[in-house]
Amino acid sequence: MEKRPVDVVVISDVHLGTYGCRAKELVAYLKSISPSILILNGDIVDGWQFSKRYFPNSHMSVIKEFFNCISQGTRVFYITGNHDEMMRKYSDFIVGNFALTDKLVLEIDKKMTWIFHGDVFDNTTKGSAKFLAKLGSSGYGFLILVNRFINFFLKSIGRERISLSKKIMDEVNKAVVKVNDFEMTAAELAIQKKYDYVICGHIHKPQKRIITNENGSVTYLNSGDWVEHCTALEYAKNEWTVFQFDESKCPTSKVDMQTPVTNVITDEISYQINSLAV
């Protein structure tokens, strides 16, 4: 398979180790691309629901593809999220082409891009509410399993699949996380810091839109997830786009592009990593 070159790819909310993870689709996507930089923007491994009893080969294959990227020269940045928060005590760990951090700032073609998972804006992941969030996460995983049985039956009778879990997730976001407030908060902070782009994950809602206030404007992007949407963010030909995986049209065509000027703003000049506080 001829891989499609991409300058930067951002993936978040994979939730390896859960029934909802679309690992096979993600492996197919990773095998189809050749990114210069791969950013894993949080909740890649689900530490909240992790169990030795469930970590199938397809999930291991995702991790193998990450290592393949590293071995082939791709710079991989792992940004921690709330479901993999146990890794935060190792932040700023660097080995070869791999770096673990909590947030990242990239300069791409003279444009500043601020990247972090986004759970800092979600009060349900903190304090006493965190227990309920973990409980809800387990219930969500069970709902996805039930949803798969329903869709198997619908497919057998020629009906289109439905996503009860997505509908419930959307309602939870509206009631608890408040998607618009989340996006506005991220955007306002990015405008204040004079960034051109701000990229988050966490809320499982792929997005690209320009947000403007009295102090300026910024392009807000969200990489979505690999549970319901199977989406990623790609930077190529001087533009960020939301990639939607399509199993029947997995992209493998060669793309002609020039290598962009890409810097990682940093206090560690040799490794070029930044851990700016939100």
C-alpha atoms as a PDB file:
ATOM      1  CA  MET A   1       0.000   0.000   0.000  1.00  0.00           C
ATOM      2  CA  GLU A   2       1.348   3.402  -0.981  1.00  0.00           C
ATOM      3  CA  LYS A   3       1.097   5.704   2.006  1.00  0.00           C
ATOM      4  CA  ARG A   4      -0.277   9.222   1.786  1.00  0.00           C
ATOM      5  CA  PRO A   5       2.195  11.823   3.105  1.00  0.00           C
ATOM      6  CA  VAL A   6       0.763  14.275   5.652  1.00  0.00           C
ATOM      7  CA  ASP A   7       2.639  17.024   7.470  1.00  0.00           C
ATOM      8  CA  VAL A   8       0.870  16.802  10.850  1.00  0.00           C
ATOM      9  CA  VAL A   9      -1.801  14.413  12.157  1.00  0.00           C
ATOM     10  CA  VAL A  10      -3.705  14.856  15.432  1.00  0.00           C
ATOM     11  CA  ILE A  11      -5.605  11.925  16.960  1.00  0.00           C
ATOM     12  CA  SER A  12      -7.405  11.877  20.292  1.00  0.00           C
ATOM     13  CA  ASP A  13      -9.860   9.858  22.371  1.00  0.00           C
ATOM     14  CA  VAL A  14      -8.985   6.415  21.069  1.00  0.00           C
ATOM     15  CA  HIS A  15      -9.824   4.731  24.404  1.00  0.00           C
ATOM     16  CA  LEU A  16      -7.744   1.613  23.903  1.00  0.00           C
ATOM     17  CA  GLY A  17      -8.839  -1.092  26.313  1.00  0.00           C
ATOM     18  CA  THR A  18     -12.568  -0.412  25.975  1.00  0.00           C
ATOM     19  CA  TYR A  19     -15.294  -2.118  23.942  1.00  0.00           C
ATOM     20  CA  GLY A  20     -16.071   1.106  22.137  1.00  0.00           C
ATOM     21  CA  CYS A  21     -12.606   1.602  20.660  1.00  0.00           C
ATOM     22  CA  ARG A  22     -12.575   1.387  16.850  1.00  0.00           C
ATOM     23  CA  ALA A  23      -9.048  -0.025  16.781  1.00  0.00           C
ATOM     24  CA  LYS A  24      -9.304  -1.814  13.422  1.00  0.00           C
ATOM     25  CA  GLU A  25     -10.369   1.379  11.684  1.00  0.00           C
ATOM     26  CA  LEU A  26      -7.548   3.314  13.328  1.00  0.00           C
ATOM     27  CA  VAL A  27      -4.969   0.724  12.286  1.00  0.00           C
ATOM     28  CA  ALA A  28      -6.205   0.949   8.688  1.00  0.00           C
ATOM     29  CA  TYR A  29      -5.921   4.740   8.825  1.00  0.00           C
ATOM     30  CA  LEU A  30      -2.421   4.708  10.321  1.00  0.00           C
ATOM     31  CA  LYS A  31      -1.268   2.222   7.687  1.00  0.00           C
ATOM     32  CA  SER A  32      -2.523   4.569   4.955  1.00  0.00           C
ATOM     33  CA  ILE A  33      -0.580   7.690   6.009  1.00  0.00           C
ATOM     34  CA  SER A  34       3.014   8.803   6.457  1.00  0.00           C
ATOM     35  CA  PRO A  35       2.987  11.813   8.802  1.00  0.00           C
ATOM     36  CA  SER A  36       6.005  13.968   9.617  1.00  0.00           C
ATOM     37  CA  ILE A  37       4.501  14.686  13.043  1.00  0.00           C
ATOM     38  CA  LEU A  38       1.902  12.569  14.862  1.00  0.00           C
ATOM     39  CA  ILE A  39       0.195  14.093  17.894  1.00  0.00           C
ATOM     40  CA  LEU A  40      -1.730  11.783  20.227  1.00  0.00           C
ATOM     41  CA  ASN A  41      -3.914  14.294  22.032  1.00  0.00           C
ATOM     42  CA  GLY A  42      -5.084  12.446  25.123  1.00  0.00           C
ATOM     43  CA  ASP A  43      -7.268   9.499  26.141  1.00  0.00           C
ATOM     44  CA  ILE A  44      -5.343   7.149  23.892  1.00  0.00           C
ATOM     45  CA  VAL A  45      -5.265   4.372  26.502  1.00  0.00           C
ATOM     46  CA  ASP A  46      -8.284   4.339  28.806  1.00  0.00           C
ATOM     47  CA  GLY A  47      -6.846   4.007  32.299  1.00  0.00           C
ATOM     48  CA  TRP A  48     -10.295   4.430  33.845  1.00  0.00           C
ATOM     49  CA  GLN A  49     -11.599   1.200  32.322  1.00  0.00           C
ATOM     50  CA  PHE A  50      -8.360  -0.668  31.667  1.00  0.00           C
ATOM     51  CA  SER A  51      -8.498  -4.382  32.429  1.00  0.00           C
ATOM     52  CA  LYS A  52      -6.092  -7.221  31.728  1.00  0.00           C
ATOM     53  CA  ARG A  53      -9.122  -9.261  30.681  1.00  0.00           C
ATOM     54  CA  TYR A  54      -9.820  -7.029  27.693  1.00  0.00           C
ATOM     55  CA  PHE A  55      -7.028  -5.760  25.471  1.00  0.00           C
ATOM     56  CA  PRO A  56      -7.455  -7.517  22.116  1.00  0.00           C
ATOM     57  CA  ASN A  57      -4.870  -7.885  19.364  1.00  0.00           C
ATOM     58  CA  SER A  58      -6.407  -5.049  17.359  1.00  0.00           C
ATOM     59  CA  HIS A  59      -5.698  -2.680  20.254  1.00  0.00           C
ATOM     60  CA  MET A  60      -2.100  -3.909  20.438  1.00  0.00           C
ATOM     61  CA  SER A  61      -1.864  -3.311  16.689  1.00  0.00           C
ATOM     62  CA  VAL A  62      -2.637   0.368  17.230  1.00  0.00           C
ATOM     63  CA  ILE A  63       0.288   0.651  19.643  1.00  0.00           C
ATOM     64  CA  LYS A  64       2.461  -1.238  17.154  1.00  0.00           C
ATOM     65  CA  GLU A  65       1.575   1.313  14.452  1.00  0.00           C
ATOM     66  CA  PHE A  66       2.599   4.139  16.793  1.00  0.00           C
ATOM     67  CA  PHE A  67       5.982   2.476  17.243  1.00  0.00           C
ATOM     68  CA  ASN A  68       6.242   1.931  13.482  1.00  0.00           C
ATOM     69  CA  CYS A  69       5.757   5.660  12.983  1.00  0.00           C
ATOM     70  CA  ILE A  70       8.547   6.410  15.449  1.00  0.00           C
ATOM     71  CA  SER A  71      10.911   3.913  13.821  1.00  0.00           C
ATOM     72  CA  GLN A  72      10.208   5.425  10.388  1.00  0.00           C
ATOM     73  CA  GLY A  73      11.229   8.906  11.516  1.00  0.00           C
ATOM     74  CA  THR A  74       7.871  10.411  12.530  1.00  0.00           C
ATOM     75  CA  ARG A  75       8.046  12.685  15.557  1.00  0.00           C
ATOM     76  CA  VAL A  76       5.374  11.480  17.974  1.00  0.00           C
ATOM     77  CA  PHE A  77       4.032  13.667  20.779  1.00  0.00           C
ATOM     78  CA  TYR A  78       1.789  12.065  23.391  1.00  0.00           C
ATOM     79  CA  ILE A  79      -0.316  14.702  25.183  1.00  0.00           C
ATOM     80  CA  THR A  80      -1.991  13.346  28.296  1.00  0.00           C
ATOM     81  CA  GLY A  81      -5.763  13.431  28.851  1.00  0.00           C
ATOM     82  CA  ASN A  82      -7.997  12.650  31.803  1.00  0.00           C
ATOM     83  CA  HIS A  83      -8.400   8.937  31.004  1.00  0.00           C
ATOM     84  CA  ASP A  84      -4.614   8.518  30.779  1.00  0.00           C
ATOM     85  CA  GLU A  85      -3.823  11.023  33.521  1.00  0.00           C
ATOM     86  CA  MET A  86      -1.652   8.452  35.310  1.00  0.00           C
ATOM     87  CA  MET A  87       1.027   9.346  32.748  1.00  0.00           C
ATOM     88  CA  ARG A  88       1.092  13.013  33.753  1.00  0.00           C
ATOM     89  CA  LYS A  89       3.681  12.402  36.447  1.00  0.00           C
ATOM     90  CA  TYR A  90       6.064  11.469  33.612  1.00  0.00           C
ATOM     91  CA  SER A  91       5.399  14.640  31.601  1.00  0.00           C
ATOM     92  CA  ASP A  92       8.333  16.033  29.620  1.00  0.00           C
ATOM     93  CA  PHE A  93       9.785  12.547  29.170  1.00  0.00           C
ATOM     94  CA  ILE A  94      11.680  12.368  25.881  1.00  0.00           C
ATOM     95  CA  VAL A  95      13.353   9.487  24.097  1.00  0.00           C
ATOM     96  CA  GLY A  96      14.357   9.646  20.445  1.00  0.00           C
ATOM     97  CA  ASN A  97      11.415  10.807  18.311  1.00  0.00           C
ATOM     98  CA  PHE A  98       8.925  10.317  21.154  1.00  0.00           C
ATOM     99  CA  ALA A  99       7.909  12.925  23.730  1.00  0.00           C
ATOM    100  CA  LEU A 100       5.321  12.867  26.507  1.00  0.00           C
ATOM    101  CA  THR A 101       3.853  16.201  27.590  1.00  0.00           C
ATOM    102  CA  ASP A 102       0.690  17.877  28.875  1.00  0.00           C
ATOM    103  CA  LYS A 103       0.429  20.564  26.181  1.00  0.00           C
ATOM    104  CA  LEU A 104       2.229  21.616  23.078  1.00  0.00           C
ATOM    105  CA  VAL A 105       2.775  24.687  20.929  1.00  0.00           C
ATOM    106  CA  LEU A 106       3.759  24.268  17.284  1.00  0.00           C
ATOM    107  CA  GLU A 107       4.811  26.905  14.818  1.00  0.00           C
ATOM    108  CA  ILE A 108       3.754  25.696  11.379  1.00  0.00           C
ATOM    109  CA  ASP A 109       4.341  27.906   8.354  1.00  0.00           C
ATOM    110  CA  LYS A 110       4.705  30.891  10.708  1.00  0.00           C
ATOM    111  CA  LYS A 111       1.328  30.164  12.371  1.00  0.00           C
ATOM    112  CA  MET A 112       1.127  29.352  16.080  1.00  0.00           C
ATOM    113  CA  THR A 113      -0.898  26.277  17.080  1.00  0.00           C
ATOM    114  CA  TRP A 114      -1.744  25.504  20.727  1.00  0.00           C
ATOM    115  CA  ILE A 115      -2.625  21.861  21.443  1.00  0.00           C
ATOM    116  CA  PHE A 116      -3.938  20.254  24.629  1.00  0.00           C
ATOM    117  CA  HIS A 117      -6.566  17.634  25.513  1.00  0.00           C
ATOM    118  CA  GLY A 118      -9.132  19.977  27.068  1.00  0.00           C
ATOM    119  CA  ASP A 119     -10.234  18.195  30.239  1.00  0.00           C
ATOM    120  CA  VAL A 120      -8.964  21.197  32.202  1.00  0.00           C
ATOM    121  CA  PHE A 121     -12.262  22.892  31.240  1.00  0.00           C
ATOM    122  CA  ASP A 122     -14.425  19.981  32.424  1.00  0.00           C
ATOM    123  CA  ASN A 123     -15.312  20.139  36.124  1.00  0.00           C
ATOM    124  CA  THR A 124     -16.761  16.596  36.003  1.00  0.00           C
ATOM    125  CA  THR A 125     -13.219  15.201  35.807  1.00  0.00           C
ATOM    126  CA  LYS A 126     -12.152  16.845  39.073  1.00  0.00           C
ATOM    127  CA  GLY A 127     -12.767  16.321  42.783  1.00  0.00           C
ATOM    128  CA  SER A 128     -15.809  14.400  44.005  1.00  0.00           C
ATOM    129  CA  ALA A 129     -17.447  14.568  40.557  1.00  0.00           C
ATOM    130  CA  LYS A 130     -14.640  12.440  39.167  1.00  0.00           C
ATOM    131  CA  PHE A 131     -16.097   9.267  40.719  1.00  0.00           C
ATOM    132  CA  LEU A 132     -19.403   9.859  38.923  1.00  0.00           C
ATOM    133  CA  ALA A 133     -17.529  10.571  35.689  1.00  0.00           C
ATOM    134  CA  LYS A 134     -15.724   7.229  35.957  1.00  0.00           C
ATOM    135  CA  LEU A 135     -18.979   5.454  36.742  1.00  0.00           C
ATOM    136  CA  GLY A 136     -20.607   7.086  33.734  1.00  0.00           C
ATOM    137  CA  SER A 137     -17.668   6.073  31.568  1.00  0.00           C
ATOM    138  CA  SER A 138     -18.175   2.420  32.508  1.00  0.00           C
ATOM    139  CA  GLY A 139     -21.896   2.691  31.748  1.00  0.00           C
ATOM    140  CA  TYR A 140     -21.093   4.285  28.393  1.00  0.00           C
ATOM    141  CA  GLY A 141     -18.807   1.341  27.558  1.00  0.00           C
ATOM    142  CA  PHE A 142     -21.585  -1.129  28.385  1.00  0.00           C
ATOM    143  CA  LEU A 143     -24.038   0.856  26.242  1.00  0.00           C
ATOM    144  CA  ILE A 144     -21.668   0.646  23.284  1.00  0.00           C
ATOM    145  CA  LEU A 145     -21.515  -3.136  23.686  1.00  0.00           C
ATOM    146  CA  VAL A 146     -25.327  -3.342  23.704  1.00  0.00           C
ATOM    147  CA  ASN A 147     -25.432  -0.998  20.704  1.00  0.00           C
ATOM    148  CA  ARG A 148     -23.222  -3.385  18.739  1.00  0.00           C
ATOM    149  CA  PHE A 149     -25.653  -6.269  19.265  1.00  0.00           C
ATOM    150  CA  ILE A 150     -28.525  -4.045  18.137  1.00  0.00           C
ATOM    151  CA  ASN A 151     -26.670  -2.994  15.000  1.00  0.00           C
ATOM    152  CA  PHE A 152     -25.745  -6.591  14.215  1.00  0.00           C
ATOM    153  CA  PHE A 153     -29.446  -7.431  14.230  1.00  0.00           C
ATOM    154  CA  LEU A 154     -30.356  -4.338  12.152  1.00  0.00           C
ATOM    155  CA  LYS A 155     -27.714  -5.233   9.561  1.00  0.00           C
ATOM    156  CA  SER A 156     -29.079  -8.785   9.290  1.00  0.00           C
ATOM    157  CA  ILE A 157     -32.515  -7.422   8.330  1.00  0.00           C
ATOM    158  CA  GLY A 158     -31.133  -4.782   5.973  1.00  0.00           C
ATOM    159  CA  ARG A 159     -31.652  -1.752   8.209  1.00  0.00           C
ATOM    160  CA  GLU A 160     -29.186   1.104   8.811  1.00  0.00           C
ATOM    161  CA  ARG A 161     -27.133   1.121  12.000  1.00  0.00           C
ATOM    162  CA  ILE A 162     -28.039   3.452  14.833  1.00  0.00           C
ATOM    163  CA  SER A 163     -25.889   4.933  17.569  1.00  0.00           C
ATOM    164  CA  LEU A 164     -27.615   5.109  20.926  1.00  0.00           C
ATOM    165  CA  SER A 165     -24.266   5.766  22.588  1.00  0.00           C
ATOM    166  CA  LYS A 166     -23.594   8.778  20.371  1.00  0.00           C
ATOM    167  CA  LYS A 167     -27.003  10.256  21.121  1.00  0.00           C
ATOM    168  CA  ILE A 168     -26.464   9.835  24.840  1.00  0.00           C
ATOM    169  CA  MET A 169     -22.916  11.228  24.623  1.00  0.00           C
ATOM    170  CA  ASP A 170     -24.240  14.287  22.783  1.00  0.00           C
ATOM    171  CA  GLU A 171     -26.888  14.835  25.454  1.00  0.00           C
ATOM    172  CA  VAL A 172     -24.307  14.484  28.225  1.00  0.00           C
ATOM    173  CA  ASN A 173     -22.071  17.021  26.503  1.00  0.00           C
ATOM    174  CA  LYS A 174     -24.963  19.449  26.230  1.00  0.00           C
ATOM    175  CA  ALA A 175     -25.980  19.018  29.853  1.00  0.00           C
ATOM    176  CA  VAL A 176     -22.601  18.716  31.552  1.00  0.00           C
ATOM    177  CA  VAL A 177     -19.640  19.768  29.445  1.00  0.00           C
ATOM    178  CA  LYS A 178     -21.623  22.334  27.426  1.00  0.00           C
ATOM    179  CA  VAL A 179     -19.845  21.998  24.095  1.00  0.00           C
ATOM    180  CA  ASN A 180     -20.229  25.610  23.007  1.00  0.00           C
ATOM    181  CA  ASP A 181     -18.901  26.899  26.334  1.00  0.00           C
ATOM    182  CA  PHE A 182     -15.972  24.489  26.050  1.00  0.00           C
ATOM    183  CA  GLU A 183     -15.100  25.724  22.572  1.00  0.00           C
ATOM    184  CA  MET A 184     -15.498  29.381  23.507  1.00  0.00           C
ATOM    185  CA  THR A 185     -13.308  29.033  26.606  1.00  0.00           C
ATOM    186  CA  ALA A 186     -10.518  27.373  24.622  1.00  0.00           C
ATOM    187  CA  ALA A 187     -10.804  29.973  21.869  1.00  0.00           C
ATOM    188  CA  GLU A 188     -10.816  32.964  24.200  1.00  0.00           C
ATOM    189  CA  LEU A 189      -7.676  31.749  25.950  1.00  0.00           C
ATOM    190  CA  ALA A 190      -5.981  31.138  22.604  1.00  0.00           C
ATOM    191  CA  ILE A 191      -6.908  34.640  21.397  1.00  0.00           C
ATOM    192  CA  GLN A 192      -5.543  36.081  24.628  1.00  0.00           C
ATOM    193  CA  LYS A 193      -2.260  34.213  24.034  1.00  0.00           C
ATOM    194  CA  LYS A 194      -2.139  35.414  20.393  1.00  0.00           C
ATOM    195  CA  TYR A 195      -2.304  31.940  18.859  1.00  0.00           C
ATOM    196  CA  ASP A 196      -3.616  31.323  15.345  1.00  0.00           C
ATOM    197  CA  TYR A 197      -5.052  27.867  16.059  1.00  0.00           C
ATOM    198  CA  VAL A 198      -6.181  25.966  19.154  1.00  0.00           C
ATOM    199  CA  ILE A 199      -6.658  22.184  19.044  1.00  0.00           C
ATOM    200  CA  CYS A 200      -8.475  20.079  21.653  1.00  0.00           C
ATOM    201  CA  GLY A 201     -10.033  16.642  22.051  1.00  0.00           C
ATOM    202  CA  HIS A 202     -11.991  15.367  25.071  1.00  0.00           C
ATOM    203  CA  ILE A 203     -15.593  16.126  24.025  1.00  0.00           C
ATOM    204  CA  HIS A 204     -15.693  13.618  21.114  1.00  0.00           C
ATOM    205  CA  LYS A 205     -16.975  16.270  18.715  1.00  0.00           C
ATOM    206  CA  PRO A 206     -14.914  16.851  15.526  1.00  0.00           C
ATOM    207  CA  GLN A 207     -14.898  20.507  14.636  1.00  0.00           C
ATOM    208  CA  LYS A 208     -13.222  23.271  12.669  1.00  0.00           C
ATOM    209  CA  ARG A 209     -14.512  26.805  12.979  1.00  0.00           C
ATOM    210  CA  ILE A 210     -13.325  30.378  13.380  1.00  0.00           C
ATOM    211  CA  ILE A 211     -14.256  31.987  16.705  1.00  0.00           C
ATOM    212  CA  THR A 212     -14.124  35.746  17.084  1.00  0.00           C
ATOM    213  CA  ASN A 213     -14.453  38.078  20.048  1.00  0.00           C
ATOM    214  CA  GLU A 214     -13.643  41.727  20.720  1.00  0.00           C
ATOM    215  CA  ASN A 215      -9.926  40.874  21.093  1.00  0.00           C
ATOM    216  CA  GLY A 216      -9.447  38.967  17.851  1.00  0.00           C
ATOM    217  CA  SER A 217     -10.090  35.599  16.267  1.00  0.00           C
ATOM    218  CA  VAL A 218      -8.706  32.065  16.269  1.00  0.00           C
ATOM    219  CA  THR A 219      -9.411  28.849  14.414  1.00  0.00           C
ATOM    220  CA  TYR A 220     -10.722  26.240  16.858  1.00  0.00           C
ATOM    221  CA  LEU A 221     -10.263  22.577  15.928  1.00  0.00           C
ATOM    222  CA  ASN A 222     -11.247  19.352  17.643  1.00  0.00           C
ATOM    223  CA  SER A 223      -9.982  15.959  16.509  1.00  0.00           C
ATOM    224  CA  GLY A 224     -13.143  14.117  17.564  1.00  0.00           C
ATOM    225  CA  ASP A 225     -12.645  10.481  18.583  1.00  0.00           C
ATOM    226  CA  TRP A 226     -12.147   6.860  17.497  1.00  0.00           C
ATOM    227  CA  VAL A 227     -15.220   5.547  19.288  1.00  0.00           C
ATOM    228  CA  GLU A 228     -18.104   7.081  17.363  1.00  0.00           C
ATOM    229  CA  HIS A 229     -16.774   9.419  14.682  1.00  0.00           C
ATOM    230  CA  CYS A 230     -13.421   7.898  13.588  1.00  0.00           C
ATOM    231  CA  THR A 231     -11.920  11.306  12.848  1.00  0.00           C
ATOM    232  CA  ALA A 232      -8.522  12.970  12.935  1.00  0.00           C
ATOM    233  CA  LEU A 233      -7.067  16.365  12.114  1.00  0.00           C
ATOM    234  CA  GLU A 234      -4.614  16.648   9.240  1.00  0.00           C
ATOM    235  CA  TYR A 235      -2.349  19.512   8.231  1.00  0.00           C
ATOM    236  CA  ALA A 236      -1.310  19.495   4.575  1.00  0.00           C
ATOM    237  CA  LYS A 237      -0.887  22.107   1.853  1.00  0.00           C
ATOM    238  CA  ASN A 238      -0.994  24.930   4.424  1.00  0.00           C
ATOM    239  CA  GLU A 239      -4.415  23.932   5.741  1.00  0.00           C
ATOM    240  CA  TRP A 240      -5.974  22.056   8.653  1.00  0.00           C
ATOM    241  CA  THR A 241      -8.804  19.679   7.748  1.00  0.00           C
ATOM    242  CA  VAL A 242     -10.998  17.213   9.633  1.00  0.00           C
ATOM    243  CA  PHE A 243     -10.432  13.705   8.246  1.00  0.00           C
ATOM    244  CA  GLN A 244     -13.390  11.307   8.389  1.00  0.00           C
ATOM    245  CA  PHE A 245     -12.468   7.640   8.039  1.00  0.00           C
ATOM    246  CA  ASP A 246     -14.371   5.764   5.365  1.00  0.00           C
ATOM    247  CA  GLU A 247     -13.697   2.041   5.306  1.00  0.00           C
ATOM    248  CA  SER A 248     -14.668   1.787   1.651  1.00  0.00           C
ATOM    249  CA  LYS A 249     -12.446   4.690   0.637  1.00  0.00           C
ATOM    250  CA  CYS A 250      -9.374   4.477   2.824  1.00  0.00           C
ATOM    251  CA  PRO A 251      -7.074   7.040   1.189  1.00  0.00           C
ATOM    252  CA  THR A 252      -3.882   5.636  -0.285  1.00  0.00           C
ATOM    253  CA  SER A 253      -3.224   8.007  -3.207  1.00  0.00           C
ATOM    254  CA  LYS A 254       0.018   9.912  -3.334  1.00  0.00           C
ATOM    255  CA  VAL A 255      -0.205  13.581  -2.413  1.00  0.00           C
ATOM    256  CA  ASP A 256       2.307  16.048  -3.782  1.00  0.00           C
ATOM    257  CA  MET A 257       3.195  18.616  -1.145  1.00  0.00           C
ATOM    258  CA  GLN A 258       6.075  20.743  -0.025  1.00  0.00           C
ATOM    259  CA  THR A 259       7.510  20.218   3.443  1.00  0.00           C
ATOM    260  CA  PRO A 260       6.266  23.084   5.625  1.00  0.00           C
ATOM    261  CA  VAL A 261       8.430  25.099   7.948  1.00  0.00           C
ATOM    262  CA  THR A 262       7.575  23.541  11.317  1.00  0.00           C
ATOM    263  CA  ASN A 263       9.027  24.471  14.699  1.00  0.00           C
ATOM    264  CA  VAL A 264       8.092  23.332  18.180  1.00  0.00           C
ATOM    265  CA  ILE A 265       8.312  26.211  20.649  1.00  0.00           C
ATOM    266  CA  THR A 266      10.316  25.115  23.652  1.00  0.00           C
ATOM    267  CA  ASP A 267      12.361  25.717  26.730  1.00  0.00           C
ATOM    268  CA  GLU A 268      14.337  22.583  25.855  1.00  0.00           C
ATOM    269  CA  ILE A 269      15.982  23.790  22.648  1.00  0.00           C
ATOM    270  CA  SER A 270      17.544  20.463  21.703  1.00  0.00           C
ATOM    271  CA  TYR A 271      14.209  18.601  21.836  1.00  0.00           C
ATOM    272  CA  GLN A 272      11.870  21.540  21.212  1.00  0.00           C
ATOM    273  CA  ILE A 273       9.039  20.872  23.662  1.00  0.00           C
ATOM    274  CA  ASN A 274       6.895  23.399  25.490  1.00  0.00           C
ATOM    275  CA  SER A 275       4.828  22.792  28.619  1.00  0.00           C
ATOM    276  CA  LEU A 276       2.971  26.079  28.825  1.00  0.00           C
ATOM    277  CA  ALA A 277       0.362  26.297  31.580  1.00  0.00           C
ATOM    278  CA  VAL A 278      -3.232  26.576  30.413  1.00  0.00           C
END
